[in-house]
């Protein structure tokens, strides 16, 4: 059974990032949504792999991908990816810097906050390995967006 704390957390990490897209603009949603969808699918695959390898541990007794990892995949990944692309696409250095900051905050600080709230803790990864796990997908996201932009030019 999912705890109230965990349920509230899951709802907030899904709703808040998606509500933020109300402020990004229709043009940006159209432009960056395909790369965002790609990164969600890729992240779900990564989370399934990490779940199988027990890279992290959720504190609720029954482990379930749907109540544990899936909210992280469908919640912040696509909206945050779209915001990062909106603010930095076309300037790769800025994109990398913003991703290093966002991934670093999550891997080195926010994961410890989640541990204190007894939601999740790292199990078989240290903070730096978790940062790499988060960060390498930024390059994939940028590359996918680049390919979509290039394909759009030719059509």
C-alpha atoms as a PDB file:
ATOM      1  CA  UNK A   1       0.000   0.000   0.000  1.00  0.00           C
ATOM      2  CA  UNK A   2       1.299   3.437  -0.914  1.00  0.00           C
ATOM      3  CA  UNK A   3       1.759   5.851   1.979  1.00  0.00           C
ATOM      4  CA  UNK A   4       0.001   9.226   1.983  1.00  0.00           C
ATOM      5  CA  UNK A   5       3.371  10.952   1.861  1.00  0.00           C
ATOM      6  CA  UNK A   6       4.418   8.936  -1.191  1.00  0.00           C
ATOM      7  CA  UNK A   7       1.065   9.472  -2.939  1.00  0.00           C
ATOM      8  CA  UNK A   8       1.219  13.212  -2.321  1.00  0.00           C
ATOM      9  CA  UNK A   9       4.768  13.321  -3.590  1.00  0.00           C
ATOM     10  CA  UNK A  10       3.844  11.340  -6.735  1.00  0.00           C
ATOM     11  CA  UNK A  11       0.939  13.644  -7.513  1.00  0.00           C
ATOM     12  CA  UNK A  12       3.080  16.744  -7.033  1.00  0.00           C
ATOM     13  CA  UNK A  13       5.968  15.550  -9.248  1.00  0.00           C
ATOM     14  CA  UNK A  14       3.472  14.808 -11.992  1.00  0.00           C
ATOM     15  CA  UNK A  15       1.154  17.823 -11.738  1.00  0.00           C
ATOM     16  CA  UNK A  16       3.538  20.719 -11.030  1.00  0.00           C
ATOM     17  CA  UNK A  17       5.887  20.184 -13.998  1.00  0.00           C
ATOM     18  CA  UNK A  18       2.983  19.613 -16.398  1.00  0.00           C
ATOM     19  CA  UNK A  19       1.155  22.698 -15.150  1.00  0.00           C
ATOM     20  CA  UNK A  20       4.316  24.722 -15.781  1.00  0.00           C
ATOM     21  CA  UNK A  21       3.874  24.009 -19.501  1.00  0.00           C
ATOM     22  CA  UNK A  22       0.931  26.435 -19.474  1.00  0.00           C
ATOM     23  CA  UNK A  23       3.600  29.151 -19.513  1.00  0.00           C
ATOM     24  CA  UNK A  24       5.933  27.767 -22.180  1.00  0.00           C
ATOM     25  CA  UNK A  25       3.798  28.731 -25.196  1.00  0.00           C
ATOM     26  CA  UNK A  26       2.102  26.727 -27.942  1.00  0.00           C
ATOM     27  CA  UNK A  27       4.959  27.200 -30.379  1.00  0.00           C
ATOM     28  CA  UNK A  28       7.492  25.744 -27.934  1.00  0.00           C
ATOM     29  CA  UNK A  29       5.198  22.834 -27.088  1.00  0.00           C
ATOM     30  CA  UNK A  30       4.891  22.003 -30.785  1.00  0.00           C
ATOM     31  CA  UNK A  31       8.605  22.430 -31.387  1.00  0.00           C
ATOM     32  CA  UNK A  32       9.954  20.394 -28.466  1.00  0.00           C
ATOM     33  CA  UNK A  33       7.238  17.829 -27.712  1.00  0.00           C
ATOM     34  CA  UNK A  34       8.594  15.085 -29.992  1.00  0.00           C
ATOM     35  CA  UNK A  35      11.982  15.158 -28.283  1.00  0.00           C
ATOM     36  CA  UNK A  36      10.160  15.258 -24.938  1.00  0.00           C
ATOM     37  CA  UNK A  37       8.103  12.183 -25.804  1.00  0.00           C
ATOM     38  CA  UNK A  38      11.235  10.390 -26.950  1.00  0.00           C
ATOM     39  CA  UNK A  39      13.000  11.164 -23.676  1.00  0.00           C
ATOM     40  CA  UNK A  40      10.028   9.891 -21.623  1.00  0.00           C
ATOM     41  CA  UNK A  41      10.056   6.569 -23.479  1.00  0.00           C
ATOM     42  CA  UNK A  42      13.827   6.319 -23.111  1.00  0.00           C
ATOM     43  CA  UNK A  43      13.599   7.199 -19.421  1.00  0.00           C
ATOM     44  CA  UNK A  44      10.939   4.551 -18.775  1.00  0.00           C
ATOM     45  CA  UNK A  45      13.291   1.967 -20.296  1.00  0.00           C
ATOM     46  CA  UNK A  46      16.136   3.281 -18.102  1.00  0.00           C
ATOM     47  CA  UNK A  47      13.958   3.152 -15.004  1.00  0.00           C
ATOM     48  CA  UNK A  48      12.917  -0.422 -15.761  1.00  0.00           C
ATOM     49  CA  UNK A  49      16.590  -1.357 -16.031  1.00  0.00           C
ATOM     50  CA  UNK A  50      17.488   0.522 -12.825  1.00  0.00           C
ATOM     51  CA  UNK A  51      14.528  -1.057 -11.018  1.00  0.00           C
ATOM     52  CA  UNK A  52      15.714  -4.525 -12.075  1.00  0.00           C
ATOM     53  CA  UNK A  53      19.290  -3.762 -10.975  1.00  0.00           C
ATOM     54  CA  UNK A  54      18.062  -2.293  -7.656  1.00  0.00           C
ATOM     55  CA  UNK A  55      19.992   0.943  -8.156  1.00  0.00           C
ATOM     56  CA  UNK A  56      17.620   2.714  -5.781  1.00  0.00           C
ATOM     57  CA  UNK A  57      15.260   1.719  -3.012  1.00  0.00           C
ATOM     58  CA  UNK A  58      11.778   3.039  -2.307  1.00  0.00           C
ATOM     59  CA  UNK A  59      10.712   2.942   1.322  1.00  0.00           C
ATOM     60  CA  UNK A  60       7.164   1.644   0.797  1.00  0.00           C
ATOM     61  CA  UNK A  61       7.141  -2.091   1.412  1.00  0.00           C
ATOM     62  CA  UNK A  62       5.727  -3.343  -1.880  1.00  0.00           C
ATOM     63  CA  UNK A  63       7.980  -2.324  -4.735  1.00  0.00           C
ATOM     64  CA  UNK A  64       6.005  -1.397  -7.807  1.00  0.00           C
ATOM     65  CA  UNK A  65       7.348   0.272 -10.919  1.00  0.00           C
ATOM     66  CA  UNK A  66       4.011   2.035 -11.478  1.00  0.00           C
ATOM     67  CA  UNK A  67       3.874   3.755  -8.084  1.00  0.00           C
ATOM     68  CA  UNK A  68       7.626   4.195  -7.642  1.00  0.00           C
ATOM     69  CA  UNK A  69       9.579   4.937 -10.834  1.00  0.00           C
ATOM     70  CA  UNK A  70       6.827   5.772 -13.338  1.00  0.00           C
ATOM     71  CA  UNK A  71       5.841   9.106 -11.710  1.00  0.00           C
ATOM     72  CA  UNK A  72       9.466  10.236 -12.070  1.00  0.00           C
ATOM     73  CA  UNK A  73       9.365   9.292 -15.764  1.00  0.00           C
ATOM     74  CA  UNK A  74       6.065  10.888 -16.738  1.00  0.00           C
ATOM     75  CA  UNK A  75       6.289  13.778 -14.309  1.00  0.00           C
ATOM     76  CA  UNK A  76       9.341  15.991 -14.538  1.00  0.00           C
ATOM     77  CA  UNK A  77      11.249  14.571 -17.506  1.00  0.00           C
ATOM     78  CA  UNK A  78       9.263  15.841 -20.479  1.00  0.00           C
ATOM     79  CA  UNK A  79       8.333  19.270 -19.106  1.00  0.00           C
ATOM     80  CA  UNK A  80      11.836  19.919 -17.768  1.00  0.00           C
ATOM     81  CA  UNK A  81      13.364  18.763 -21.054  1.00  0.00           C
ATOM     82  CA  UNK A  82      11.107  21.104 -22.984  1.00  0.00           C
ATOM     83  CA  UNK A  83      11.951  24.052 -20.734  1.00  0.00           C
ATOM     84  CA  UNK A  84      15.684  23.352 -21.013  1.00  0.00           C
ATOM     85  CA  UNK A  85      15.420  23.120 -24.802  1.00  0.00           C
ATOM     86  CA  UNK A  86      13.392  26.337 -24.948  1.00  0.00           C
ATOM     87  CA  UNK A  87      15.970  28.291 -22.958  1.00  0.00           C
ATOM     88  CA  UNK A  88      19.079  26.862 -24.543  1.00  0.00           C
ATOM     89  CA  UNK A  89      18.513  25.102 -27.875  1.00  0.00           C
ATOM     90  CA  UNK A  90      20.977  26.474 -30.396  1.00  0.00           C
ATOM     91  CA  UNK A  91      23.575  27.164 -27.718  1.00  0.00           C
ATOM     92  CA  UNK A  92      25.034  23.765 -26.816  1.00  0.00           C
ATOM     93  CA  UNK A  93      27.285  25.087 -24.042  1.00  0.00           C
ATOM     94  CA  UNK A  94      24.341  26.741 -22.333  1.00  0.00           C
ATOM     95  CA  UNK A  95      22.289  23.552 -22.740  1.00  0.00           C
ATOM     96  CA  UNK A  96      25.020  21.443 -21.127  1.00  0.00           C
ATOM     97  CA  UNK A  97      25.499  23.953 -18.304  1.00  0.00           C
ATOM     98  CA  UNK A  98      21.777  24.083 -17.503  1.00  0.00           C
ATOM     99  CA  UNK A  99      21.589  20.286 -17.542  1.00  0.00           C
ATOM    100  CA  UNK A 100      24.637  19.934 -15.301  1.00  0.00           C
ATOM    101  CA  UNK A 101      23.005  22.311 -12.826  1.00  0.00           C
ATOM    102  CA  UNK A 102      19.586  20.592 -12.926  1.00  0.00           C
ATOM    103  CA  UNK A 103      20.995  17.060 -12.799  1.00  0.00           C
ATOM    104  CA  UNK A 104      23.504  18.019 -10.113  1.00  0.00           C
ATOM    105  CA  UNK A 105      20.824  19.526  -7.886  1.00  0.00           C
ATOM    106  CA  UNK A 106      18.732  16.387  -8.216  1.00  0.00           C
ATOM    107  CA  UNK A 107      21.599  13.880  -7.834  1.00  0.00           C
ATOM    108  CA  UNK A 108      23.507  15.558  -5.023  1.00  0.00           C
ATOM    109  CA  UNK A 109      20.848  17.413  -3.024  1.00  0.00           C
ATOM    110  CA  UNK A 110      17.253  16.516  -3.855  1.00  0.00           C
ATOM    111  CA  UNK A 111      17.867  12.754  -3.603  1.00  0.00           C
ATOM    112  CA  UNK A 112      19.012  13.313   0.008  1.00  0.00           C
ATOM    113  CA  UNK A 113      15.841  15.296   0.720  1.00  0.00           C
ATOM    114  CA  UNK A 114      13.786  12.393  -0.654  1.00  0.00           C
ATOM    115  CA  UNK A 115      15.747  10.053   1.597  1.00  0.00           C
ATOM    116  CA  UNK A 116      14.952  12.176   4.652  1.00  0.00           C
ATOM    117  CA  UNK A 117      11.262  12.059   3.728  1.00  0.00           C
ATOM    118  CA  UNK A 118      11.605   8.271   3.401  1.00  0.00           C
ATOM    119  CA  UNK A 119      10.517   8.126  -0.227  1.00  0.00           C
ATOM    120  CA  UNK A 120      13.629   6.919  -2.067  1.00  0.00           C
ATOM    121  CA  UNK A 121      17.331   6.399  -1.476  1.00  0.00           C
ATOM    122  CA  UNK A 122      20.192   5.303  -3.649  1.00  0.00           C
ATOM    123  CA  UNK A 123      21.032   1.648  -3.211  1.00  0.00           C
ATOM    124  CA  UNK A 124      23.729   0.441  -5.602  1.00  0.00           C
ATOM    125  CA  UNK A 125      24.765   3.816  -6.995  1.00  0.00           C
ATOM    126  CA  UNK A 126      26.640   6.636  -5.331  1.00  0.00           C
ATOM    127  CA  UNK A 127      25.687  10.260  -5.988  1.00  0.00           C
ATOM    128  CA  UNK A 128      28.197  10.714  -8.808  1.00  0.00           C
ATOM    129  CA  UNK A 129      27.075   7.542 -10.605  1.00  0.00           C
ATOM    130  CA  UNK A 130      23.475   8.693 -10.251  1.00  0.00           C
ATOM    131  CA  UNK A 131      24.452  12.075 -11.700  1.00  0.00           C
ATOM    132  CA  UNK A 132      25.986  10.323 -14.730  1.00  0.00           C
ATOM    133  CA  UNK A 133      22.830   8.179 -15.019  1.00  0.00           C
ATOM    134  CA  UNK A 134      20.761  11.370 -15.187  1.00  0.00           C
ATOM    135  CA  UNK A 135      23.102  13.519 -17.235  1.00  0.00           C
ATOM    136  CA  UNK A 136      24.020  11.341 -20.214  1.00  0.00           C
ATOM    137  CA  UNK A 137      20.434  11.558 -21.458  1.00  0.00           C
ATOM    138  CA  UNK A 138      20.818  15.312 -21.986  1.00  0.00           C
ATOM    139  CA  UNK A 139      23.103  14.699 -24.955  1.00  0.00           C
ATOM    140  CA  UNK A 140      20.635  12.237 -26.382  1.00  0.00           C
ATOM    141  CA  UNK A 141      17.815  14.771 -25.943  1.00  0.00           C
ATOM    142  CA  UNK A 142      19.781  17.492 -27.732  1.00  0.00           C
ATOM    143  CA  UNK A 143      20.715  15.113 -30.543  1.00  0.00           C
ATOM    144  CA  UNK A 144      17.114  14.003 -31.035  1.00  0.00           C
ATOM    145  CA  UNK A 145      15.931  17.622 -31.139  1.00  0.00           C
ATOM    146  CA  UNK A 146      18.682  18.442 -33.617  1.00  0.00           C
ATOM    147  CA  UNK A 147      17.560  15.583 -35.873  1.00  0.00           C
ATOM    148  CA  UNK A 148      13.918  16.705 -35.648  1.00  0.00           C
ATOM    149  CA  UNK A 149      14.910  20.273 -36.562  1.00  0.00           C
ATOM    150  CA  UNK A 150      16.994  19.023 -39.459  1.00  0.00           C
ATOM    151  CA  UNK A 151      14.190  16.761 -40.727  1.00  0.00           C
ATOM    152  CA  UNK A 152      11.721  19.665 -40.473  1.00  0.00           C
ATOM    153  CA  UNK A 153      13.960  21.819 -42.690  1.00  0.00           C
ATOM    154  CA  UNK A 154      13.960  19.211 -45.438  1.00  0.00           C
ATOM    155  CA  UNK A 155      10.201  18.637 -45.449  1.00  0.00           C
END
